[in-house]
Amino acid sequence: MSSPTKIAAGDAACEKLARSHYENFTVGSWFLPKEMRRDFFAVYAFCRTTDDIGDEASGDRLAALDAWEKDVRKCWGGEPAELMLVALARTIRERKLRQDPFLRLIEANRMDQRQSRWETWDDLRLYCAHSADPVGRMVLGLFGQDDAKRGPLSDAICTGLQLANHWQDVGRDAAEKGRIYLPLEDLEAHGVKEADVVARRTSPGFVELMKVSVGRARALFDEGEPLLDLVSGTLKRDVKLFLGGGRAILDAIEKQGWDTLVKRPKVSKKTKVWLAMKALVG
């Protein structure tokens, strides 16, 4: 086990990273109890670093992810070399966090290196089960509530959130990153060509495809909403924010006429503040 001095240094590194990326925090993080913040920072630092390796590491990113996973596994037995993981190991030990969500998020970043298209809806759901759902399971774990009843509901909300963000960024992801998250079978069914998505050319078929896609995300939010009745306090406020924020993105897509190729729909600052207040006062 690492020394208290080393763990404290790890906590400081995690908090510094988290606060440097504060724009990525949900407003719900404002409501975290003080005694949970260091654990939240540790988990956030893991997620942020994992994504940074997958998105920005120079050289062989798959090799870098393998090395990162090897060090992460030491959080459950051994002593990690990375300072931030020293703090995470303490959080994992004290909060009794499972290993699976952490390893799935690393695997999601491996998937990103191997593919930029998803053939079917099931393929995309499997990707979200690695890239989105683990974060919800980690948060549930921090509250001691990652169980068979709450977990699947959290998964539905997290997948819905990721899809809402993907649908918001269809044009930008395709043109700037070369990635199309809309399943290829759905493109074909609506007569939409990959080249038109990359070129950001909207068609009636694309509009119909977005209607279907937004409907799928809405259904996932509805599927996960019963989680609100199974959690309380800070966690309930966060779930309300996640649901409200995700639905607000979908509403913005609909209001814009379903076209997310030419222009990225945005949720206004006023709406974000209203969602935060609604979650806070219940």
Protein backbone atom coordinates (compact mmCIF):
# COMPACT_ATOMS: atom_id res chain seq x y z
CA MET A 1 0.00 0.00 0.00
CA SER A 2 1.28 3.46 -0.88
CA SER A 3 2.32 5.93 1.81
CA PRO A 4 -0.10 8.67 2.96
CA THR A 5 2.23 11.25 1.43
CA LYS A 6 2.13 9.56 -1.97
CA ILE A 7 -1.66 9.16 -1.82
CA ALA A 8 -2.02 12.85 -0.97
CA ALA A 9 0.14 13.74 -3.95
CA GLY A 10 -2.05 11.52 -6.10
CA ASP A 11 -5.18 13.27 -4.81
CA ALA A 12 -3.66 16.64 -5.70
CA ALA A 13 -2.83 15.43 -9.22
CA CYS A 14 -6.36 14.11 -9.73
CA GLU A 15 -7.98 17.32 -8.52
CA LYS A 16 -5.69 19.45 -10.67
CA LEU A 17 -6.59 17.44 -13.77
CA ALA A 18 -10.29 17.50 -12.97
CA ARG A 19 -10.40 21.24 -12.39
CA SER A 20 -8.36 21.92 -15.53
CA HIS A 21 -11.16 20.20 -17.49
CA TYR A 22 -13.97 21.72 -15.44
CA GLU A 23 -15.98 22.56 -18.54
CA ASN A 24 -16.55 18.82 -18.97
CA PHE A 25 -18.20 18.45 -15.57
CA THR A 26 -21.93 18.11 -15.31
CA VAL A 27 -23.54 20.80 -13.17
CA GLY A 28 -24.42 17.90 -10.85
CA SER A 29 -20.82 17.75 -9.65
CA TRP A 30 -21.43 21.07 -7.87
CA PHE A 31 -23.70 19.21 -5.47
CA LEU A 32 -21.22 16.49 -4.45
CA PRO A 33 -20.76 16.08 -0.70
CA LYS A 34 -17.36 17.38 0.35
CA GLU A 35 -16.29 13.97 1.66
CA MET A 36 -16.81 12.42 -1.80
CA ARG A 37 -14.95 14.96 -3.90
CA ARG A 38 -11.51 13.37 -3.73
CA ASP A 39 -12.99 10.03 -4.85
CA PHE A 40 -14.92 11.73 -7.61
CA PHE A 41 -11.74 13.49 -8.76
CA ALA A 42 -9.86 10.17 -8.77
CA VAL A 43 -12.46 8.44 -10.93
CA TYR A 44 -12.73 11.46 -13.21
CA ALA A 45 -8.95 11.59 -13.62
CA PHE A 46 -8.96 7.92 -14.65
CA CYS A 47 -11.70 8.49 -17.24
CA ARG A 48 -10.08 11.66 -18.58
CA THR A 49 -6.63 10.08 -18.85
CA THR A 50 -8.00 6.96 -20.52
CA ASP A 51 -9.77 9.06 -23.16
CA ASP A 52 -6.72 11.28 -23.63
CA ILE A 53 -4.55 8.23 -24.33
CA GLY A 54 -7.08 6.97 -26.86
CA ASP A 55 -7.52 10.37 -28.52
CA GLU A 56 -4.19 12.14 -28.25
CA ALA A 57 -1.29 9.80 -27.38
CA SER A 58 1.58 9.90 -29.85
CA GLY A 59 2.87 6.69 -31.37
CA ASP A 60 1.14 3.32 -30.88
CA ARG A 61 -2.03 4.10 -28.95
CA LEU A 62 -2.99 0.45 -28.58
CA ALA A 63 0.35 -0.24 -26.91
CA ALA A 64 -0.14 2.82 -24.69
CA LEU A 65 -3.60 1.59 -23.68
CA ASP A 66 -2.18 -1.85 -22.90
CA ALA A 67 0.47 -0.30 -20.65
CA TRP A 68 -2.16 1.88 -18.97
CA GLU A 69 -4.40 -1.13 -18.32
CA LYS A 70 -1.50 -3.05 -16.79
CA ASP A 71 -0.94 -0.22 -14.31
CA VAL A 72 -4.69 0.20 -13.66
CA ARG A 73 -5.04 -3.48 -12.75
CA LYS A 74 -2.56 -2.91 -9.92
CA CYS A 75 -5.23 -0.81 -8.20
CA TRP A 76 -6.81 -4.12 -7.16
CA GLY A 77 -3.54 -5.73 -6.09
CA GLY A 78 -0.11 -4.18 -6.17
CA GLU A 79 1.06 -0.60 -6.34
CA PRO A 80 0.44 1.50 -9.49
CA ALA A 81 3.29 3.54 -10.89
CA GLU A 82 1.12 6.43 -12.08
CA LEU A 83 0.53 8.94 -9.28
CA MET A 84 -3.15 9.49 -10.09
CA LEU A 85 -3.73 5.74 -9.94
CA VAL A 86 -2.28 5.67 -6.45
CA ALA A 87 -5.18 7.89 -5.38
CA LEU A 88 -7.62 5.80 -7.42
CA ALA A 89 -6.41 2.62 -5.69
CA ARG A 90 -7.35 4.18 -2.34
CA THR A 91 -10.80 5.09 -3.68
CA ILE A 92 -11.29 1.60 -5.12
CA ARG A 93 -10.31 0.02 -1.83
CA GLU A 94 -12.47 2.25 0.36
CA ARG A 95 -15.51 2.36 -1.93
CA LYS A 96 -15.18 -1.30 -2.99
CA LEU A 97 -15.37 -0.45 -6.70
CA ARG A 98 -15.52 -3.28 -9.24
CA GLN A 99 -12.80 -3.71 -11.83
CA ASP A 100 -15.05 -4.39 -14.83
CA PRO A 101 -16.24 -0.82 -15.58
CA PHE A 102 -12.67 0.49 -15.59
CA LEU A 103 -11.45 -2.20 -17.97
CA ARG A 104 -14.43 -1.73 -20.27
CA LEU A 105 -13.70 1.97 -20.64
CA ILE A 106 -10.12 1.17 -21.63
CA GLU A 107 -11.42 -1.36 -24.16
CA ALA A 108 -13.75 1.31 -25.61
CA ASN A 109 -10.68 3.35 -26.45
CA ARG A 110 -9.16 0.32 -28.17
CA MET A 111 -12.35 0.05 -30.22
CA ASP A 112 -11.88 3.68 -31.26
CA GLN A 113 -8.49 2.80 -32.75
CA ARG A 114 -9.94 -0.05 -34.80
CA GLN A 115 -13.16 1.33 -36.23
CA SER A 116 -14.95 4.49 -37.27
CA ARG A 117 -18.18 2.87 -38.47
CA TRP A 118 -20.77 0.60 -36.84
CA GLU A 119 -22.65 -1.82 -39.06
CA THR A 120 -25.73 -2.41 -36.91
CA TRP A 121 -27.68 -0.95 -34.00
CA ASP A 122 -26.50 -3.87 -31.86
CA ASP A 123 -22.88 -3.05 -32.73
CA LEU A 124 -23.39 0.55 -31.62
CA ARG A 125 -25.08 -0.56 -28.39
CA LEU A 126 -22.11 -2.83 -27.65
CA TYR A 127 -19.75 0.10 -28.17
CA CYS A 128 -21.81 2.27 -25.80
CA ALA A 129 -21.75 -0.54 -23.24
CA HIS A 130 -17.99 0.00 -23.14
CA SER A 131 -17.68 3.74 -23.73
CA ALA A 132 -20.66 5.14 -21.81
CA ASP A 133 -22.21 2.67 -19.39
CA PRO A 134 -19.04 2.12 -17.29
CA VAL A 135 -19.05 5.75 -16.17
CA GLY A 136 -22.52 5.38 -14.70
CA ARG A 137 -21.48 2.17 -12.97
CA MET A 138 -18.46 3.94 -11.45
CA VAL A 139 -20.68 6.72 -10.11
CA LEU A 140 -23.14 4.21 -8.68
CA GLY A 141 -20.19 2.42 -7.13
CA LEU A 142 -19.00 5.58 -5.42
CA PHE A 143 -22.41 5.73 -3.73
CA GLY A 144 -22.39 2.00 -2.95
CA GLN A 145 -25.34 1.38 -5.29
CA ASP A 146 -23.90 -0.50 -8.27
CA ASP A 147 -26.26 -3.47 -8.13
CA ALA A 148 -28.34 -5.66 -10.43
CA LYS A 149 -31.44 -3.46 -10.06
CA ARG A 150 -29.96 0.01 -10.48
CA GLY A 151 -27.14 -0.89 -12.88
CA PRO A 152 -29.21 -1.70 -15.99
CA LEU A 153 -31.27 1.48 -15.51
CA SER A 154 -28.08 3.51 -15.30
CA ASP A 155 -26.82 1.78 -18.46
CA ALA A 156 -29.93 2.86 -20.38
CA ILE A 157 -29.47 6.48 -19.30
CA CYS A 158 -25.75 6.51 -20.08
CA THR A 159 -26.22 4.98 -23.53
CA GLY A 160 -29.02 7.47 -24.19
CA LEU A 161 -26.72 10.34 -23.19
CA GLN A 162 -23.94 9.16 -25.45
CA LEU A 163 -26.31 8.74 -28.38
CA ALA A 164 -27.77 12.22 -27.76
CA ASN A 165 -24.26 13.64 -27.98
CA HIS A 166 -23.48 11.62 -31.09
CA TRP A 167 -26.69 12.76 -32.80
CA GLN A 168 -25.89 16.36 -31.86
CA ASP A 169 -22.48 16.06 -33.52
CA VAL A 170 -23.19 13.94 -36.61
CA GLY A 171 -21.87 16.57 -39.03
CA ARG A 172 -18.82 17.51 -37.00
CA ASP A 173 -17.84 13.93 -36.18
CA ALA A 174 -18.06 12.91 -39.84
CA ALA A 175 -16.36 15.94 -41.40
CA GLU A 176 -13.67 16.58 -38.79
CA LYS A 177 -13.02 13.14 -37.33
CA GLY A 178 -14.12 10.80 -40.11
CA ARG A 179 -16.46 8.99 -37.73
CA ILE A 180 -20.10 8.05 -38.35
CA TYR A 181 -21.95 6.66 -35.36
CA LEU A 182 -25.25 6.22 -37.18
CA PRO A 183 -25.41 2.47 -37.98
CA LEU A 184 -24.63 1.75 -41.62
CA GLU A 185 -27.69 -0.49 -41.89
CA ASP A 186 -29.83 2.52 -40.91
CA LEU A 187 -28.14 4.75 -43.48
CA GLU A 188 -28.86 2.16 -46.17
CA ALA A 189 -32.47 1.72 -45.05
CA HIS A 190 -33.08 5.48 -45.42
CA GLY A 191 -31.13 5.90 -48.65
CA VAL A 192 -28.37 7.97 -47.04
CA LYS A 193 -24.84 7.64 -48.40
CA GLU A 194 -21.75 7.82 -46.20
CA ALA A 195 -20.24 10.37 -48.58
CA ASP A 196 -23.20 12.70 -48.07
CA VAL A 197 -22.81 12.52 -44.29
CA VAL A 198 -19.09 13.28 -44.52
CA ALA A 199 -19.82 16.17 -46.93
CA ARG A 200 -22.60 17.36 -44.58
CA ARG A 201 -25.28 17.21 -47.28
CA THR A 202 -28.76 16.88 -45.77
CA SER A 203 -31.51 14.90 -47.49
CA PRO A 204 -35.11 13.92 -46.66
CA GLY A 205 -33.78 10.44 -45.90
CA PHE A 206 -31.33 11.84 -43.37
CA VAL A 207 -34.10 13.78 -41.63
CA GLU A 208 -36.17 10.61 -41.33
CA LEU A 209 -33.14 8.72 -40.06
CA MET A 210 -32.56 11.33 -37.36
CA LYS A 211 -36.18 11.11 -36.27
CA VAL A 212 -35.73 7.37 -35.74
CA SER A 213 -32.38 7.82 -34.02
CA VAL A 214 -33.64 10.51 -31.65
CA GLY A 215 -36.62 8.26 -30.87
CA ARG A 216 -34.25 5.48 -29.84
CA ALA A 217 -32.40 7.78 -27.47
CA ARG A 218 -35.67 9.03 -25.98
CA ALA A 219 -36.79 5.43 -25.41
CA LEU A 220 -33.56 4.72 -23.52
CA PHE A 221 -34.12 7.73 -21.26
CA ASP A 222 -37.66 6.50 -20.57
CA GLU A 223 -36.29 3.02 -19.87
CA GLY A 224 -33.78 4.35 -17.35
CA GLU A 225 -35.99 6.94 -15.64
CA PRO A 226 -37.20 4.54 -12.89
CA LEU A 227 -33.69 4.87 -11.46
CA LEU A 228 -34.90 8.15 -9.93
CA ASP A 229 -37.11 6.16 -7.55
CA LEU A 230 -34.19 3.99 -6.43
CA VAL A 231 -31.67 6.70 -5.52
CA SER A 232 -31.75 9.80 -3.33
CA GLY A 233 -29.95 12.98 -2.41
CA THR A 234 -26.97 14.00 -4.53
CA LEU A 235 -27.23 10.99 -6.79
CA LYS A 236 -30.89 11.65 -7.52
CA ARG A 237 -30.10 15.25 -8.44
CA ASP A 238 -27.37 14.08 -10.79
CA VAL A 239 -29.67 11.55 -12.48
CA LYS A 240 -32.29 14.29 -12.96
CA LEU A 241 -29.65 16.49 -14.57
CA PHE A 242 -28.42 13.73 -16.86
CA LEU A 243 -31.96 12.93 -17.99
CA GLY A 244 -32.91 16.58 -18.37
CA GLY A 245 -29.73 17.46 -20.22
CA GLY A 246 -29.99 14.53 -22.60
CA ARG A 247 -33.61 15.25 -23.38
CA ALA A 248 -32.78 18.92 -23.89
CA ILE A 249 -30.25 17.96 -26.57
CA LEU A 250 -32.86 15.81 -28.32
CA ASP A 251 -35.39 18.64 -28.11
CA ALA A 252 -32.82 20.98 -29.69
CA ILE A 253 -32.30 18.52 -32.54
CA GLU A 254 -36.04 18.33 -33.16
CA LYS A 255 -36.46 22.10 -32.93
CA GLN A 256 -33.74 22.49 -35.57
CA GLY A 257 -35.67 20.29 -37.98
CA TRP A 258 -33.59 17.15 -37.31
CA ASP A 259 -30.67 18.44 -39.37
CA THR A 260 -27.43 18.00 -37.43
CA LEU A 261 -25.22 17.95 -40.52
CA VAL A 262 -25.22 21.63 -41.45
CA LYS A 263 -25.45 23.07 -37.93
CA ARG A 264 -24.80 21.67 -34.47
CA PRO A 265 -27.86 22.17 -32.22
CA LYS A 266 -27.04 23.69 -28.84
CA VAL A 267 -28.74 23.72 -25.47
CA SER A 268 -28.91 27.30 -24.24
CA LYS A 269 -27.18 28.39 -21.06
CA LYS A 270 -30.57 29.41 -19.72
CA THR A 271 -31.86 25.87 -20.20
CA LYS A 272 -28.80 24.40 -18.47
CA VAL A 273 -29.29 26.64 -15.43
CA TRP A 274 -33.00 25.81 -15.33
CA LEU A 275 -32.21 22.09 -15.38
CA ALA A 276 -29.76 22.54 -12.52
CA MET A 277 -32.29 24.45 -10.42
CA LYS A 278 -35.02 21.93 -11.17
CA ALA A 279 -32.76 19.09 -10.04
CA LEU A 280 -31.70 20.99 -6.91
CA VAL A 281 -35.20 21.83 -5.68
CA GLY A 282 -36.70 18.51 -6.80
